[in-house]
PDB file of all heavy atoms in Angstrom:
ATOM      1  N   ASP A   1       0.828  -1.185  -0.010  1.00  0.00           N
ATOM      2  CA  ASP A   1       0.005  -0.008  -0.008  1.00  0.00           C
ATOM      3  C   ASP A   1       0.885   1.250   0.000  1.00  0.00           C
ATOM      4  O   ASP A   1       1.878   1.308   0.701  1.00  0.00           O
ATOM      5  CB  ASP A   1      -0.941   0.017   1.209  1.00  0.00           C
ATOM      6  CG  ASP A   1      -2.020  -1.016   1.143  1.00  0.00           C
ATOM      7  OD1 ASP A   1      -2.147  -1.665   0.107  1.00  0.00           O
ATOM      8  OD2 ASP A   1      -2.776  -1.146   2.136  1.00  0.00           O
ATOM      9  N   ALA A   2       0.502   2.212  -0.803  1.00  0.00           N
ATOM     10  CA  ALA A   2       1.190   3.512  -0.974  1.00  0.00           C
ATOM     11  C   ALA A   2       2.562   3.386  -1.648  1.00  0.00           C
ATOM     12  O   ALA A   2       3.313   4.355  -1.688  1.00  0.00           O
ATOM     13  CB  ALA A   2       1.313   4.228   0.384  1.00  0.00           C
ATOM     14  N   GLN A   3       2.887   2.249  -2.174  1.00  0.00           N
ATOM     15  CA  GLN A   3       4.147   2.054  -2.908  1.00  0.00           C
ATOM     16  C   GLN A   3       3.854   2.193  -4.388  1.00  0.00           C
ATOM     17  O   GLN A   3       2.809   1.795  -4.888  1.00  0.00           O
ATOM     18  CB  GLN A   3       4.738   0.688  -2.603  1.00  0.00           C
ATOM     19  CG  GLN A   3       6.117   0.437  -3.152  1.00  0.00           C
ATOM     20  CD  GLN A   3       6.672  -0.935  -2.727  1.00  0.00           C
ATOM     21  OE1 GLN A   3       5.910  -1.869  -2.440  1.00  0.00           O
ATOM     22  NE2 GLN A   3       7.956  -1.030  -2.726  1.00  0.00           N
ATOM     23  N   SER A   4       4.818   2.736  -5.113  1.00  0.00           N
ATOM     24  CA  SER A   4       4.640   2.917  -6.548  1.00  0.00           C
ATOM     25  C   SER A   4       5.813   2.298  -7.310  1.00  0.00           C
ATOM     26  O   SER A   4       6.855   2.047  -6.770  1.00  0.00           O
ATOM     27  CB  SER A   4       4.483   4.383  -6.929  1.00  0.00           C
ATOM     28  OG  SER A   4       5.629   5.096  -6.632  1.00  0.00           O
ATOM     29  N   GLY A   5       5.550   2.041  -8.596  1.00  0.00           N
ATOM     30  CA  GLY A   5       6.558   1.478  -9.460  1.00  0.00           C
ATOM     31  C   GLY A   5       6.269   1.888 -10.896  1.00  0.00           C
ATOM     32  O   GLY A   5       5.207   2.382 -11.201  1.00  0.00           O
ATOM     33  N   VAL A   6       7.218   1.644 -11.770  1.00  0.00           N
ATOM     34  CA  VAL A   6       7.056   1.928 -13.194  1.00  0.00           C
ATOM     35  C   VAL A   6       6.891   0.587 -13.906  1.00  0.00           C
ATOM     36  O   VAL A   6       7.677  -0.339 -13.726  1.00  0.00           O
ATOM     37  CB  VAL A   6       8.302   2.697 -13.711  1.00  0.00           C
ATOM     38  CG1 VAL A   6       8.182   2.931 -15.236  1.00  0.00           C
ATOM     39  CG2 VAL A   6       8.439   4.004 -13.000  1.00  0.00           C
ATOM     40  N   ILE A   7       5.881   0.522 -14.769  1.00  0.00           N
ATOM     41  CA  ILE A   7       5.618  -0.697 -15.530  1.00  0.00           C
ATOM     42  C   ILE A   7       6.754  -0.945 -16.507  1.00  0.00           C
ATOM     43  O   ILE A   7       7.069  -0.074 -17.302  1.00  0.00           O
ATOM     44  CB  ILE A   7       4.274  -0.622 -16.256  1.00  0.00           C
ATOM     45  CG1 ILE A   7       3.128  -0.497 -15.236  1.00  0.00           C
ATOM     46  CG2 ILE A   7       4.062  -1.838 -17.162  1.00  0.00           C
ATOM     47  CD1 ILE A   7       1.771  -0.256 -15.852  1.00  0.00           C
ATOM     48  N   SER A   8       7.343  -2.133 -16.450  1.00  0.00           N
ATOM     49  CA  SER A   8       8.419  -2.479 -17.387  1.00  0.00           C
ATOM     50  C   SER A   8       7.929  -3.407 -18.483  1.00  0.00           C
ATOM     51  O   SER A   8       8.396  -3.308 -19.618  1.00  0.00           O
ATOM     52  CB  SER A   8       9.577  -3.107 -16.617  1.00  0.00           C
ATOM     53  OG  SER A   8       9.175  -4.246 -15.898  1.00  0.00           O
ATOM     54  N   SER A   9       6.948  -4.288 -18.174  1.00  0.00           N
ATOM     55  CA  SER A   9       6.407  -5.151 -19.229  1.00  0.00           C
ATOM     56  C   SER A   9       5.102  -5.755 -18.750  1.00  0.00           C
ATOM     57  O   SER A   9       4.807  -5.804 -17.541  1.00  0.00           O
ATOM     58  CB  SER A   9       7.393  -6.242 -19.583  1.00  0.00           C
ATOM     59  OG  SER A   9       7.559  -7.145 -18.495  1.00  0.00           O
ATOM     60  N   ILE A  10       4.301  -6.205 -19.715  1.00  0.00           N
ATOM     61  CA  ILE A  10       3.048  -6.913 -19.415  1.00  0.00           C
ATOM     62  C   ILE A  10       3.141  -8.275 -20.070  1.00  0.00           C
ATOM     63  O   ILE A  10       3.315  -8.370 -21.281  1.00  0.00           O
ATOM     64  CB  ILE A  10       1.838  -6.104 -19.935  1.00  0.00           C
ATOM     65  CG1 ILE A  10       1.762  -4.770 -19.245  1.00  0.00           C
ATOM     66  CG2 ILE A  10       0.541  -6.907 -19.702  1.00  0.00           C
ATOM     67  CD1 ILE A  10       0.728  -3.835 -19.756  1.00  0.00           C
ATOM     68  N   ASN A  11       3.036  -9.314 -19.288  1.00  0.00           N
ATOM     69  CA  ASN A  11       3.179 -10.687 -19.767  1.00  0.00           C
ATOM     70  C   ASN A  11       1.770 -11.294 -19.955  1.00  0.00           C
ATOM     71  O   ASN A  11       1.307 -12.066 -19.116  1.00  0.00           O
ATOM     72  CB  ASN A  11       4.000 -11.515 -18.811  1.00  0.00           C
ATOM     73  CG  ASN A  11       5.340 -10.882 -18.539  1.00  0.00           C
ATOM     74  OD1 ASN A  11       6.011 -10.489 -19.467  1.00  0.00           O
ATOM     75  ND2 ASN A  11       5.728 -10.787 -17.275  1.00  0.00           N
ATOM     76  N   ALA A  12       1.128 -10.949 -21.055  1.00  0.00           N
ATOM     77  CA  ALA A  12      -0.224 -11.440 -21.330  1.00  0.00           C
ATOM     78  C   ALA A  12      -0.496 -11.442 -22.811  1.00  0.00           C
ATOM     79  O   ALA A  12       0.321 -10.939 -23.592  1.00  0.00           O
ATOM     80  CB  ALA A  12      -1.233 -10.560 -20.611  1.00  0.00           C
ATOM     81  N   ASP A  13      -1.624 -11.983 -23.197  1.00  0.00           N
ATOM     82  CA  ASP A  13      -1.970 -12.004 -24.628  1.00  0.00           C
ATOM     83  C   ASP A  13      -2.320 -10.580 -25.080  1.00  0.00           C
ATOM     84  O   ASP A  13      -2.479  -9.662 -24.285  1.00  0.00           O
ATOM     85  CB  ASP A  13      -3.138 -12.956 -24.883  1.00  0.00           C
ATOM     86  CG  ASP A  13      -4.382 -12.627 -24.101  1.00  0.00           C
ATOM     87  OD1 ASP A  13      -4.750 -11.437 -23.999  1.00  0.00           O
ATOM     88  OD2 ASP A  13      -5.020 -13.545 -23.620  1.00  0.00           O
ATOM     89  N   ALA A  14      -2.439 -10.402 -26.373  1.00  0.00           N
ATOM     90  CA  ALA A  14      -2.636  -9.082 -26.947  1.00  0.00           C
ATOM     91  C   ALA A  14      -3.938  -8.434 -26.476  1.00  0.00           C
ATOM     92  O   ALA A  14      -3.969  -7.234 -26.203  1.00  0.00           O
ATOM     93  CB  ALA A  14      -2.646  -9.172 -28.475  1.00  0.00           C
ATOM     94  N   ALA A  15      -4.994  -9.185 -26.340  1.00  0.00           N
ATOM     95  CA  ALA A  15      -6.297  -8.613 -25.940  1.00  0.00           C
ATOM     96  C   ALA A  15      -6.208  -8.065 -24.505  1.00  0.00           C
ATOM     97  O   ALA A  15      -6.707  -6.970 -24.215  1.00  0.00           O
ATOM     98  CB  ALA A  15      -7.404  -9.651 -26.047  1.00  0.00           C
ATOM     99  N   PHE A  16      -5.602  -8.824 -23.607  1.00  0.00           N
ATOM    100  CA  PHE A  16      -5.474  -8.377 -22.225  1.00  0.00           C
ATOM    101  C   PHE A  16      -4.558  -7.171 -22.109  1.00  0.00           C
ATOM    102  O   PHE A  16      -4.830  -6.219 -21.390  1.00  0.00           O
ATOM    103  CB  PHE A  16      -5.003  -9.529 -21.316  1.00  0.00           C
ATOM    104  CG  PHE A  16      -4.974  -9.173 -19.884  1.00  0.00           C
ATOM    105  CD1 PHE A  16      -6.143  -8.978 -19.172  1.00  0.00           C
ATOM    106  CD2 PHE A  16      -3.754  -8.980 -19.210  1.00  0.00           C
ATOM    107  CE1 PHE A  16      -6.112  -8.631 -17.823  1.00  0.00           C
ATOM    108  CE2 PHE A  16      -3.737  -8.659 -17.876  1.00  0.00           C
ATOM    109  CZ  PHE A  16      -4.925  -8.489 -17.169  1.00  0.00           C
ATOM    110  N   THR A  17      -3.467  -7.214 -22.854  1.00  0.00           N
ATOM    111  CA  THR A  17      -2.501  -6.085 -22.854  1.00  0.00           C
ATOM    112  C   THR A  17      -3.200  -4.836 -23.365  1.00  0.00           C
ATOM    113  O   THR A  17      -3.012  -3.734 -22.809  1.00  0.00           O
ATOM    114  CB  THR A  17      -1.294  -6.433 -23.711  1.00  0.00           C
ATOM    115  OG1 THR A  17      -0.644  -7.615 -23.199  1.00  0.00           O
ATOM    116  CG2 THR A  17      -0.273  -5.317 -23.734  1.00  0.00           C
ATOM    117  N   ARG A  18      -4.005  -4.958 -24.390  1.00  0.00           N
ATOM    118  CA  ARG A  18      -4.740  -3.802 -24.961  1.00  0.00           C
ATOM    119  C   ARG A  18      -5.723  -3.278 -23.934  1.00  0.00           C
ATOM    120  O   ARG A  18      -5.844  -2.057 -23.721  1.00  0.00           O
ATOM    121  CB  ARG A  18      -5.441  -4.198 -26.237  1.00  0.00           C
ATOM    122  CG  ARG A  18      -6.134  -3.022 -26.918  1.00  0.00           C
ATOM    123  CD  ARG A  18      -6.763  -3.382 -28.280  1.00  0.00           C
ATOM    124  NE  ARG A  18      -7.623  -4.549 -28.218  1.00  0.00           N
ATOM    125  CZ  ARG A  18      -7.307  -5.752 -28.761  1.00  0.00           C
ATOM    126  NH1 ARG A  18      -6.189  -5.927 -29.389  1.00  0.00           N
ATOM    127  NH2 ARG A  18      -8.168  -6.753 -28.639  1.00  0.00           N
ATOM    128  N   ARG A  19      -6.424  -4.153 -23.244  1.00  0.00           N
ATOM    129  CA  ARG A  19      -7.411  -3.744 -22.240  1.00  0.00           C
ATOM    130  C   ARG A  19      -6.709  -2.977 -21.117  1.00  0.00           C
ATOM    131  O   ARG A  19      -7.191  -1.956 -20.660  1.00  0.00           O
ATOM    132  CB  ARG A  19      -8.138  -4.962 -21.670  1.00  0.00           C
ATOM    133  CG  ARG A  19      -9.320  -4.592 -20.826  1.00  0.00           C
ATOM    134  CD  ARG A  19     -10.097  -5.800 -20.372  1.00  0.00           C
ATOM    135  NE  ARG A  19      -9.872  -5.921 -18.938  1.00  0.00           N
ATOM    136  CZ  ARG A  19      -9.757  -7.060 -18.308  1.00  0.00           C
ATOM    137  NH1 ARG A  19      -9.855  -8.187 -18.892  1.00  0.00           N
ATOM    138  NH2 ARG A  19      -9.553  -7.064 -16.986  1.00  0.00           N
ATOM    139  N   LEU A  20      -5.582  -3.488 -20.652  1.00  0.00           N
ATOM    140  CA  LEU A  20      -4.820  -2.779 -19.593  1.00  0.00           C
ATOM    141  C   LEU A  20      -4.368  -1.429 -20.111  1.00  0.00           C
ATOM    142  O   LEU A  20      -4.414  -0.452 -19.374  1.00  0.00           O
ATOM    143  CB  LEU A  20      -3.645  -3.613 -19.132  1.00  0.00           C
ATOM    144  CG  LEU A  20      -3.943  -4.799 -18.230  1.00  0.00           C
ATOM    145  CD1 LEU A  20      -2.660  -5.544 -17.899  1.00  0.00           C
ATOM    146  CD2 LEU A  20      -4.626  -4.378 -16.948  1.00  0.00           C
ATOM    147  N   GLY A  21      -3.916  -1.391 -21.347  1.00  0.00           N
ATOM    148  CA  GLY A  21      -3.462  -0.126 -21.920  1.00  0.00           C
ATOM    149  C   GLY A  21      -4.540   0.923 -21.981  1.00  0.00           C
ATOM    150  O   GLY A  21      -4.296   2.114 -21.750  1.00  0.00           O
ATOM    151  N   GLU A  22      -5.746   0.504 -22.241  1.00  0.00           N
ATOM    152  CA  GLU A  22      -6.914   1.406 -22.282  1.00  0.00           C
ATOM    153  C   GLU A  22      -7.181   2.010 -20.900  1.00  0.00           C
ATOM    154  O   GLU A  22      -7.782   3.063 -20.786  1.00  0.00           O
ATOM    155  CB  GLU A  22      -8.125   0.703 -22.829  1.00  0.00           C
ATOM    156  CG  GLU A  22      -8.017   0.397 -24.307  1.00  0.00           C
ATOM    157  CD  GLU A  22      -9.080  -0.520 -24.840  1.00  0.00           C
ATOM    158  OE1 GLU A  22      -9.921  -1.040 -24.000  1.00  0.00           O
ATOM    159  OE2 GLU A  22      -9.153  -0.743 -26.047  1.00  0.00           O
ATOM    160  N   MET A  23      -6.768   1.286 -19.855  1.00  0.00           N
ATOM    161  CA  MET A  23      -6.971   1.772 -18.464  1.00  0.00           C
ATOM    162  C   MET A  23      -5.751   2.531 -17.954  1.00  0.00           C
ATOM    163  O   MET A  23      -5.724   2.931 -16.807  1.00  0.00           O
ATOM    164  CB  MET A  23      -7.288   0.566 -17.553  1.00  0.00           C
ATOM    165  CG  MET A  23      -8.608  -0.085 -17.831  1.00  0.00           C
ATOM    166  SD  MET A  23      -9.017  -1.364 -16.635  1.00  0.00           S
ATOM    167  CE  MET A  23      -7.981  -2.683 -17.131  1.00  0.00           C
ATOM    168  N   GLY A  24      -4.735   2.699 -18.782  1.00  0.00           N
ATOM    169  CA  GLY A  24      -3.574   3.474 -18.383  1.00  0.00           C
ATOM    170  C   GLY A  24      -2.389   2.645 -17.952  1.00  0.00           C
ATOM    171  O   GLY A  24      -1.372   3.225 -17.520  1.00  0.00           O
ATOM    172  N   PHE A  25      -2.444   1.340 -18.072  1.00  0.00           N
ATOM    173  CA  PHE A  25      -1.337   0.471 -17.690  1.00  0.00           C
ATOM    174  C   PHE A  25      -0.510   0.157 -18.913  1.00  0.00           C
ATOM    175  O   PHE A  25      -0.744  -0.846 -19.618  1.00  0.00           O
ATOM    176  CB  PHE A  25      -1.870  -0.799 -17.038  1.00  0.00           C
ATOM    177  CG  PHE A  25      -2.529  -0.555 -15.695  1.00  0.00           C
ATOM    178  CD1 PHE A  25      -3.833  -0.125 -15.623  1.00  0.00           C
ATOM    179  CD2 PHE A  25      -1.814  -0.794 -14.514  1.00  0.00           C
ATOM    180  CE1 PHE A  25      -4.431   0.080 -14.416  1.00  0.00           C
ATOM    181  CE2 PHE A  25      -2.413  -0.556 -13.307  1.00  0.00           C
ATOM    182  CZ  PHE A  25      -3.726  -0.135 -13.231  1.00  0.00           C
ATOM    183  N   THR A  26       0.492   1.013 -19.188  1.00  0.00           N
ATOM    184  CA  THR A  26       1.370   0.794 -20.335  1.00  0.00           C
ATOM    185  C   THR A  26       2.808   0.868 -19.844  1.00  0.00           C
ATOM    186  O   THR A  26       3.109   1.418 -18.780  1.00  0.00           O
ATOM    187  CB  THR A  26       1.150   1.889 -21.403  1.00  0.00           C
ATOM    188  OG1 THR A  26       1.337   3.199 -20.793  1.00  0.00           O
ATOM    189  CG2 THR A  26      -0.239   1.803 -21.995  1.00  0.00           C
ATOM    190  N   ALA A  27       3.706   0.313 -20.639  1.00  0.00           N
ATOM    191  CA  ALA A  27       5.154   0.306 -20.260  1.00  0.00           C
ATOM    192  C   ALA A  27       5.624   1.772 -20.095  1.00  0.00           C
ATOM    193  O   ALA A  27       5.274   2.639 -20.866  1.00  0.00           O
ATOM    194  CB  ALA A  27       5.953  -0.383 -21.330  1.00  0.00           C
ATOM    195  N   GLY A  28       6.356   1.971 -19.017  1.00  0.00           N
ATOM    196  CA  GLY A  28       6.888   3.308 -18.700  1.00  0.00           C
ATOM    197  C   GLY A  28       5.983   4.146 -17.816  1.00  0.00           C
ATOM    198  O   GLY A  28       6.380   5.217 -17.363  1.00  0.00           O
ATOM    199  N   GLU A  29       4.773   3.699 -17.580  1.00  0.00           N
ATOM    200  CA  GLU A  29       3.800   4.445 -16.770  1.00  0.00           C
ATOM    201  C   GLU A  29       4.004   4.151 -15.273  1.00  0.00           C
ATOM    202  O   GLU A  29       4.191   3.004 -14.894  1.00  0.00           O
ATOM    203  CB  GLU A  29       2.373   4.082 -17.184  1.00  0.00           C
ATOM    204  CG  GLU A  29       1.302   4.891 -16.515  1.00  0.00           C
ATOM    205  CD  GLU A  29       1.391   6.365 -16.890  1.00  0.00           C
ATOM    206  OE1 GLU A  29       1.716   6.686 -18.050  1.00  0.00           O
ATOM    207  OE2 GLU A  29       1.183   7.204 -15.975  1.00  0.00           O
ATOM    208  N   ARG A  30       3.960   5.198 -14.461  1.00  0.00           N
ATOM    209  CA  ARG A  30       4.073   5.003 -13.004  1.00  0.00           C
ATOM    210  C   ARG A  30       2.701   4.638 -12.438  1.00  0.00           C
ATOM    211  O   ARG A  30       1.678   5.225 -12.794  1.00  0.00           O
ATOM    212  CB  ARG A  30       4.537   6.313 -12.339  1.00  0.00           C
ATOM    213  CG  ARG A  30       4.645   6.166 -10.818  1.00  0.00           C
ATOM    214  CD  ARG A  30       5.507   7.196 -10.176  1.00  0.00           C
ATOM    215  NE  ARG A  30       6.914   7.126 -10.541  1.00  0.00           N
ATOM    216  CZ  ARG A  30       7.774   6.253 -10.013  1.00  0.00           C
ATOM    217  NH1 ARG A  30       7.372   5.439  -9.059  1.00  0.00           N
ATOM    218  NH2 ARG A  30       9.028   6.258 -10.385  1.00  0.00           N
ATOM    219  N   VAL A  31       2.668   3.597 -11.582  1.00  0.00           N
ATOM    220  CA  VAL A  31       1.433   3.115 -11.000  1.00  0.00           C
ATOM    221  C   VAL A  31       1.649   3.012  -9.500  1.00  0.00           C
ATOM    222  O   VAL A  31       2.704   2.590  -9.021  1.00  0.00           O
ATOM    223  CB  VAL A  31       1.122   1.699 -11.567  1.00  0.00           C
ATOM    224  CG1 VAL A  31      -0.118   1.124 -10.890  1.00  0.00           C
ATOM    225  CG2 VAL A  31       0.947   1.740 -13.051  1.00  0.00           C
ATOM    226  N   GLU A  32       0.625   3.433  -8.732  1.00  0.00           N
ATOM    227  CA  GLU A  32       0.684   3.364  -7.271  1.00  0.00           C
ATOM    228  C   GLU A  32      -0.379   2.411  -6.748  1.00  0.00           C
ATOM    229  O   GLU A  32      -1.497   2.434  -7.209  1.00  0.00           O
ATOM    230  CB  GLU A  32       0.452   4.780  -6.701  1.00  0.00           C
ATOM    231  CG  GLU A  32       0.512   4.784  -5.201  1.00  0.00           C
ATOM    232  CD  GLU A  32       0.266   6.157  -4.596  1.00  0.00           C
ATOM    233  OE1 GLU A  32       0.038   7.113  -5.348  1.00  0.00           O
ATOM    234  OE2 GLU A  32       0.254   6.256  -3.362  1.00  0.00           O
ATOM    235  N   CYS A  33       0.023   1.616  -5.779  1.00  0.00           N
ATOM    236  CA  CYS A  33      -0.925   0.728  -5.120  1.00  0.00           C
ATOM    237  C   CYS A  33      -1.618   1.541  -4.029  1.00  0.00           C
ATOM    238  O   CYS A  33      -0.988   2.063  -3.110  1.00  0.00           O
ATOM    239  CB  CYS A  33      -0.180  -0.471  -4.487  1.00  0.00           C
ATOM    240  SG  CYS A  33      -1.278  -1.567  -3.549  1.00  0.00           S
ATOM    241  N   ILE A  34      -2.926   1.682  -4.155  1.00  0.00           N
ATOM    242  CA  ILE A  34      -3.673   2.459  -3.196  1.00  0.00           C
ATOM    243  C   ILE A  34      -4.069   1.636  -1.966  1.00  0.00           C
ATOM    244  O   ILE A  34      -3.774   1.985  -0.851  1.00  0.00           O
ATOM    245  CB  ILE A  34      -4.965   3.044  -3.836  1.00  0.00           C
ATOM    246  CG1 ILE A  34      -4.617   3.884  -5.097  1.00  0.00           C
ATOM    247  CG2 ILE A  34      -5.759   3.887  -2.846  1.00  0.00           C
ATOM    248  CD1 ILE A  34      -3.772   5.077  -4.806  1.00  0.00           C
ATOM    249  N   CYS A  35      -4.733   0.492  -2.217  1.00  0.00           N
ATOM    250  CA  CYS A  35      -5.096  -0.378  -1.109  1.00  0.00           C
ATOM    251  C   CYS A  35      -5.545  -1.731  -1.618  1.00  0.00           C
ATOM    252  O   CYS A  35      -5.870  -1.889  -2.809  1.00  0.00           O
ATOM    253  CB  CYS A  35      -6.185   0.247  -0.239  1.00  0.00           C
ATOM    254  SG  CYS A  35      -7.778   0.447  -1.049  1.00  0.00           S
ATOM    255  N   ARG A  36      -5.586  -2.679  -0.734  1.00  0.00           N
ATOM    256  CA  ARG A  36      -6.026  -4.059  -1.037  1.00  0.00           C
ATOM    257  C   ARG A  36      -7.359  -4.306  -0.338  1.00  0.00           C
ATOM    258  O   ARG A  36      -7.622  -3.760   0.726  1.00  0.00           O
ATOM    259  CB  ARG A  36      -5.005  -5.088  -0.562  1.00  0.00           C
ATOM    260  CG  ARG A  36      -3.672  -4.961  -1.217  1.00  0.00           C
ATOM    261  CD  ARG A  36      -2.649  -5.865  -0.542  1.00  0.00           C
ATOM    262  NE  ARG A  36      -1.375  -5.719  -1.204  1.00  0.00           N
ATOM    263  CZ  ARG A  36      -0.994  -6.459  -2.252  1.00  0.00           C
ATOM    264  NH1 ARG A  36      -1.810  -7.374  -2.697  1.00  0.00           N
ATOM    265  NH2 ARG A  36       0.158  -6.238  -2.827  1.00  0.00           N
TER     266      ARG A  36
END
């Protein structure tokens, strides 16, 4: 929680990778874990 990182790669099929990309999860993007 409250830790962030930069996406380096997505290990999934093209459809799932595209779906994540549409939500802002792309290589080079900073992502923060808010809570579980």
